[in-house]
C-alpha atoms as a PDB file:
ATOM      1  CA  MET A   1       0.000   0.000   0.000  1.00  0.00           C
ATOM      2  CA  SER A   2       1.315   3.430  -0.943  1.00  0.00           C
ATOM      3  CA  ASN A   3       1.755   6.110   1.715  1.00  0.00           C
ATOM      4  CA  GLU A   4       0.836   8.801  -0.795  1.00  0.00           C
ATOM      5  CA  GLY A   5      -1.924  10.978   0.615  1.00  0.00           C
ATOM      6  CA  ARG A   6      -1.383   9.643   4.149  1.00  0.00           C
ATOM      7  CA  LYS A   7      -0.055  11.380   7.239  1.00  0.00           C
ATOM      8  CA  ASN A   8       1.242   9.490  10.269  1.00  0.00           C
ATOM      9  CA  LYS A   9       1.034  10.955  13.786  1.00  0.00           C
ATOM     10  CA  PRO A  10       3.104   8.850  16.191  1.00  0.00           C
ATOM     11  CA  VAL A  11       2.043   8.605  19.815  1.00  0.00           C
ATOM     12  CA  SER A  12       4.673   8.094  22.471  1.00  0.00           C
ATOM     13  CA  PHE A  13       4.064   6.447  25.853  1.00  0.00           C
ATOM     14  CA  ASN A  14       6.532   6.796  28.721  1.00  0.00           C
ATOM     15  CA  THR A  15       6.615   3.298  30.216  1.00  0.00           C
ATOM     16  CA  ASN A  16       8.213   4.713  33.385  1.00  0.00           C
ATOM     17  CA  ASP A  17       5.097   6.823  34.038  1.00  0.00           C
ATOM     18  CA  GLU A  18       2.179   4.945  35.645  1.00  0.00           C
ATOM     19  CA  HIS A  19      -0.469   6.985  33.822  1.00  0.00           C
ATOM     20  CA  ASP A  20       1.154   6.559  30.394  1.00  0.00           C
ATOM     21  CA  LEU A  21       1.714   2.860  31.019  1.00  0.00           C
ATOM     22  CA  ALA A  22      -1.956   2.340  31.930  1.00  0.00           C
ATOM     23  CA  LEU A  23      -3.000   4.137  28.723  1.00  0.00           C
ATOM     24  CA  LEU A  24      -0.664   1.979  26.639  1.00  0.00           C
ATOM     25  CA  GLN A  25      -1.872  -1.241  28.251  1.00  0.00           C
ATOM     26  CA  HIS A  26      -5.492  -0.257  27.608  1.00  0.00           C
ATOM     27  CA  ALA A  27      -4.733   0.623  23.975  1.00  0.00           C
ATOM     28  CA  GLU A  28      -3.001  -2.731  23.443  1.00  0.00           C
ATOM     29  CA  GLN A  29      -5.834  -4.865  24.815  1.00  0.00           C
ATOM     30  CA  ILE A  30      -6.901  -7.905  22.834  1.00  0.00           C
ATOM     31  CA  ASN A  31     -10.250  -7.556  21.060  1.00  0.00           C
ATOM     32  CA  PRO A  32     -12.489 -10.171  22.759  1.00  0.00           C
ATOM     33  CA  LEU A  33     -14.477 -10.723  19.544  1.00  0.00           C
ATOM     34  CA  THR A  34     -11.536 -11.409  17.245  1.00  0.00           C
ATOM     35  CA  GLY A  35      -8.813 -12.487  19.690  1.00  0.00           C
ATOM     36  CA  LYS A  36      -6.479 -10.061  17.898  1.00  0.00           C
ATOM     37  CA  PRO A  37      -4.816  -6.913  19.198  1.00  0.00           C
ATOM     38  CA  ARG A  38      -6.897  -3.753  18.888  1.00  0.00           C
ATOM     39  CA  ASN A  39      -6.293  -1.737  15.703  1.00  0.00           C
ATOM     40  CA  PHE A  40      -4.636   1.257  17.350  1.00  0.00           C
ATOM     41  CA  SER A  41      -5.077   3.597  14.389  1.00  0.00           C
ATOM     42  CA  LYS A  42      -8.824   2.926  14.078  1.00  0.00           C
ATOM     43  CA  TYR A  43      -9.215   3.165  17.857  1.00  0.00           C
ATOM     44  CA  VAL A  44      -7.568   6.605  18.021  1.00  0.00           C
ATOM     45  CA  LYS A  45      -9.577   7.848  15.020  1.00  0.00           C
ATOM     46  CA  ARG A  46     -12.823   6.711  16.696  1.00  0.00           C
ATOM     47  CA  LEU A  47     -11.879   8.522  19.917  1.00  0.00           C
ATOM     48  CA  ILE A  48     -11.113  11.693  17.950  1.00  0.00           C
ATOM     49  CA  GLU A  49     -14.424  11.424  16.105  1.00  0.00           C
ATOM     50  CA  GLU A  50     -16.324  10.999  19.397  1.00  0.00           C
ATOM     51  CA  ASP A  51     -14.490  14.021  20.801  1.00  0.00           C
ATOM     52  CA  MET A  52     -15.444  16.094  17.753  1.00  0.00           C
ATOM     53  CA  LYS A  53     -19.132  15.212  18.221  1.00  0.00           C
ATOM     54  CA  ARG A  54     -19.176  16.365  21.862  1.00  0.00           C
ATOM     55  CA  PRO A  55     -20.231  19.956  22.470  1.00  0.00           C
ATOM     56  CA  LEU A  56     -17.450  22.218  23.670  1.00  0.00           C
ATOM     57  CA  GLN A  57     -17.579  22.459  27.454  1.00  0.00           C
ATOM     58  CA  SER A  58     -14.836  25.000  27.722  1.00  0.00           C
ATOM     59  CA  GLU A  59     -11.931  26.361  25.764  1.00  0.00           C
ATOM     60  CA  ILE A  60      -9.709  25.716  28.793  1.00  0.00           C
ATOM     61  CA  ARG A  61      -7.792  22.444  28.618  1.00  0.00           C
ATOM     62  CA  ILE A  62      -5.897  21.249  31.665  1.00  0.00           C
ATOM     63  CA  ASP A  63      -2.595  19.470  31.150  1.00  0.00           C
ATOM     64  CA  ARG A  64      -1.542  17.595  34.282  1.00  0.00           C
ATOM     65  CA  ASN A  65       2.096  18.297  33.399  1.00  0.00           C
ATOM     66  CA  GLU A  66       1.713  22.071  33.168  1.00  0.00           C
ATOM     67  CA  PRO A  67       2.338  24.163  36.278  1.00  0.00           C
ATOM     68  CA  ILE A  68      -0.601  26.098  37.652  1.00  0.00           C
ATOM     69  CA  ILE A  69      -0.126  29.770  36.927  1.00  0.00           C
ATOM     70  CA  SER A  70      -2.238  32.226  38.831  1.00  0.00           C
ATOM     71  CA  GLU A  71      -2.888  35.566  37.261  1.00  0.00           C
ATOM     72  CA  GLU A  72      -1.977  38.727  39.135  1.00  0.00           C
ATOM     73  CA  GLU A  73      -4.904  39.825  41.268  1.00  0.00           C
ATOM     74  CA  ALA A  74      -6.100  43.398  41.012  1.00  0.00           C
ATOM     75  CA  TYR A  75      -6.276  44.093  44.765  1.00  0.00           C
ATOM     76  CA  SER A  76      -5.066  47.226  46.437  1.00  0.00           C
ATOM     77  CA  ILE A  77      -2.239  47.021  48.970  1.00  0.00           C
ATOM     78  CA  GLU A  78      -4.749  47.719  51.744  1.00  0.00           C
ATOM     79  CA  THR A  79      -6.992  44.857  50.646  1.00  0.00           C
ATOM     80  CA  LYS A  80      -4.031  42.461  50.387  1.00  0.00           C
ATOM     81  CA  GLU A  81      -2.862  43.432  53.876  1.00  0.00           C
ATOM     82  CA  ALA A  82      -6.368  42.925  55.251  1.00  0.00           C
ATOM     83  CA  MET A  83      -6.639  39.492  53.597  1.00  0.00           C
ATOM     84  CA  ASN A  84      -3.168  38.486  54.852  1.00  0.00           C
ATOM     85  CA  SER A  85      -4.207  39.297  58.408  1.00  0.00           C
ATOM     86  CA  PHE A  86      -6.730  36.416  58.216  1.00  0.00           C
ATOM     87  CA  ILE A  87      -4.117  33.901  57.093  1.00  0.00           C
END
């Protein structure tokens, strides 16, 4: 089969990370109907299609690997001092 008109998107799993390893093991499960390994490409495409059909909940996506960044609050010095007195 020719690769013309095809684009591959590799997915990497860190086998030293529990979360990644669990995802990989799930993706590699044997299909109980056929007894063969799951077709990873079709599986990922189906998940993407299901995601596309879902209504957008929010534009904010949370990445568990990204640090939490809090935006600068717009409080006056007096308000900050008053709030700090309760801490």
